[in-house]
Amino acid sequence: MNEKKICLATYLALMILLAATFLLAHANLGKLNVPVSMAIACLKALLVAIFFMRLRMSDGVHRIFALAGVFWLGILLTLSLSDALSRNWLPLPGHWPLTTRSGRFFQ
């Protein structure tokens, strides 16, 4: 396939995945909403990296640096999640949302 057909096919695949993301936002899959959304997002990122960034035709150094970026992102997400999940989250005292005596919300 020539380059224009590959770019057009990739663009159409990204538009289909965009429509799937939009439809998923209005669907109620319960606990599967987040994993399905993340799978669609990863697939879109993979299509962009392989075809639009031309990692498919690049030499090994570019591929290694792209993988190093993904690895670093994984490290940052792991550390952020370990920090957020290890905290002892305490609820705020009082009723939520906090209101004044006149019934207006704090701003």
Foldseek 3Di string as FASTA:
>chain_A
DDLVVLVVVLVVVLVVLVVVLVVLVVDPPDPCSVVVNVVSVVVNVVSCCCRVVVPVPDDDVVVVVVVVVVVVVVVVVVVVVVVVVPDDDDDDPDDPPDADPVRHGDD
